[in-house]
Amino acid sequence: VQLVESGGGLVQPGGSLRLSCEVSGFTISLCAMNWYRQAPGKERELVAGITNYGDMPNYADSVKGRFTISRDNAKKTVYLQMNSLKPEDTAVYYCNARRRAVNFEVWGQGTLVTVSS
């Protein structure tokens, strides 16, 4: 069971990045998928989530209109498109898979996003 994030890096304010989360070892189509982030000195927060059907995406108020979560169950991958990035978006971003009915949850190792000029 594994989640592997990629796509992080250094970007200037106003720029864009697309994070990917590739899963293995479980059936992604049965799980809600989420992106969290944790900035230095702050608690981990939910950034975006999407149901196993790929509908009803939800976003933190701080990223609404700038970030888009999507999933491709055939590719076993979840994406987070991040546009108009701000310095306050700097954080380690974590992918999360959850299936509450069977108390299943797994986390990725995280990918660092740094927004700075």
Protein backbone atom coordinates (compact mmCIF):
# COMPACT_ATOMS: atom_id res chain seq x y z
CA VAL A 1 0.00 0.00 0.00
CA GLN A 2 1.67 3.18 -1.13
CA LEU A 3 1.04 6.77 -2.22
CA VAL A 4 3.82 8.57 -4.06
CA GLU A 5 3.57 12.33 -4.60
CA SER A 6 5.52 14.23 -7.23
CA GLY A 7 5.55 17.62 -8.91
CA GLY A 8 6.63 19.84 -6.06
CA GLY A 9 9.38 22.42 -6.37
CA LEU A 10 10.25 26.08 -6.35
CA VAL A 11 7.95 28.48 -8.20
CA GLN A 12 7.60 32.24 -8.31
CA PRO A 13 4.49 33.98 -6.98
CA GLY A 14 1.75 33.85 -9.59
CA GLY A 15 3.13 30.66 -11.08
CA SER A 16 1.62 27.20 -11.40
CA LEU A 17 2.45 23.64 -10.42
CA ARG A 18 0.67 20.34 -10.83
CA LEU A 19 1.09 17.74 -8.13
CA SER A 20 0.51 14.07 -8.83
CA CYS A 21 -0.19 11.22 -6.43
CA GLU A 22 0.19 7.71 -7.78
CA VAL A 23 -1.25 4.90 -5.71
CA SER A 24 -0.47 1.21 -5.52
CA GLY A 25 -1.53 -1.73 -3.42
CA PHE A 26 -5.21 -0.84 -3.07
CA THR A 27 -8.26 -0.01 -5.16
CA ILE A 28 -8.26 3.74 -5.65
CA SER A 29 -11.81 3.75 -7.04
CA LEU A 30 -13.14 2.80 -3.60
CA CYS A 31 -11.46 5.69 -1.81
CA ALA A 32 -12.00 9.38 -1.36
CA MET A 33 -8.77 11.19 -2.15
CA ASN A 34 -7.49 14.31 -0.48
CA TRP A 35 -4.60 16.74 -0.54
CA TYR A 36 -3.37 18.21 2.74
CA ARG A 37 -0.54 20.60 3.43
CA GLN A 38 1.60 21.54 6.37
CA ALA A 39 3.54 24.75 6.53
CA PRO A 40 6.45 25.23 8.96
CA GLY A 41 5.16 25.73 12.47
CA LYS A 42 1.55 25.11 11.49
CA GLU A 43 -0.86 22.22 11.73
CA ARG A 44 -1.66 20.05 8.75
CA GLU A 45 -4.73 21.33 6.91
CA LEU A 46 -7.07 19.94 4.28
CA VAL A 47 -6.54 21.68 0.94
CA ALA A 48 -8.86 19.73 -1.37
CA GLY A 49 -10.83 16.52 -1.51
CA ILE A 50 -12.73 14.48 -4.08
CA THR A 51 -15.06 11.51 -3.77
CA ASN A 52 -14.29 8.10 -5.20
CA TYR A 53 -16.70 8.88 -8.05
CA GLY A 54 -14.76 12.03 -8.92
CA ASP A 55 -17.58 14.37 -8.08
CA MET A 56 -18.24 16.90 -5.33
CA PRO A 57 -14.73 18.35 -5.03
CA ASN A 58 -14.27 20.54 -2.00
CA TYR A 59 -11.62 23.12 -1.25
CA ALA A 60 -10.24 25.15 1.59
CA ASP A 61 -11.39 28.75 1.34
CA SER A 62 -7.80 29.87 0.94
CA VAL A 63 -7.39 27.98 -2.36
CA LYS A 64 -10.86 28.20 -3.93
CA GLY A 65 -10.68 29.44 -7.50
CA ARG A 66 -6.93 28.75 -7.71
CA PHE A 67 -6.55 25.00 -7.08
CA THR A 68 -8.29 22.11 -8.83
CA ILE A 69 -8.33 18.51 -7.67
CA SER A 70 -8.98 15.71 -10.15
CA ARG A 71 -8.50 11.98 -10.40
CA ASP A 72 -7.95 9.32 -13.05
CA ASN A 73 -8.85 5.98 -11.51
CA ALA A 74 -7.61 4.11 -14.59
CA LYS A 75 -4.18 5.64 -14.07
CA LYS A 76 -4.45 5.25 -10.30
CA THR A 77 -3.50 8.89 -9.95
CA VAL A 78 -4.84 12.01 -8.28
CA TYR A 79 -3.80 15.50 -9.28
CA LEU A 80 -3.74 18.93 -7.74
CA GLN A 81 -3.45 21.76 -10.22
CA MET A 82 -2.26 24.88 -8.43
CA ASN A 83 -2.47 28.24 -10.16
CA SER A 84 -1.81 31.80 -9.03
CA LEU A 85 0.44 30.51 -6.29
CA LYS A 86 1.20 32.72 -3.32
CA PRO A 87 4.05 32.65 -0.80
CA GLU A 88 1.56 31.46 1.82
CA ASP A 89 1.00 28.31 -0.24
CA THR A 90 4.51 27.21 0.70
CA ALA A 91 4.22 23.88 2.51
CA VAL A 92 4.75 20.17 2.29
CA TYR A 93 1.79 18.73 0.40
CA TYR A 94 0.52 15.28 1.32
CA CYS A 95 -1.75 12.94 -0.56
CA ASN A 96 -4.31 10.99 1.47
CA ALA A 97 -6.60 8.09 0.64
CA ARG A 98 -9.54 7.30 2.88
CA ARG A 99 -12.35 4.77 2.96
CA ARG A 100 -14.30 5.36 6.14
CA ALA A 101 -16.56 2.31 5.82
CA VAL A 102 -13.65 -0.03 6.50
CA ASN A 103 -11.52 2.37 8.55
CA PHE A 104 -8.86 2.52 5.85
CA GLU A 105 -6.51 5.46 5.53
CA VAL A 106 -3.07 5.91 4.02
CA TRP A 107 -0.73 8.89 3.58
CA GLY A 108 2.01 9.71 1.15
CA GLN A 109 5.45 10.95 2.16
CA GLY A 110 4.82 14.50 0.99
CA THR A 111 6.25 16.82 -1.63
CA LEU A 112 7.60 20.29 -0.89
CA VAL A 113 6.16 23.32 -2.65
CA THR A 114 8.04 26.58 -2.21
CA VAL A 115 6.58 29.82 -3.58
CA SER A 116 9.20 32.54 -3.56
CA SER A 117 10.77 35.14 -5.77
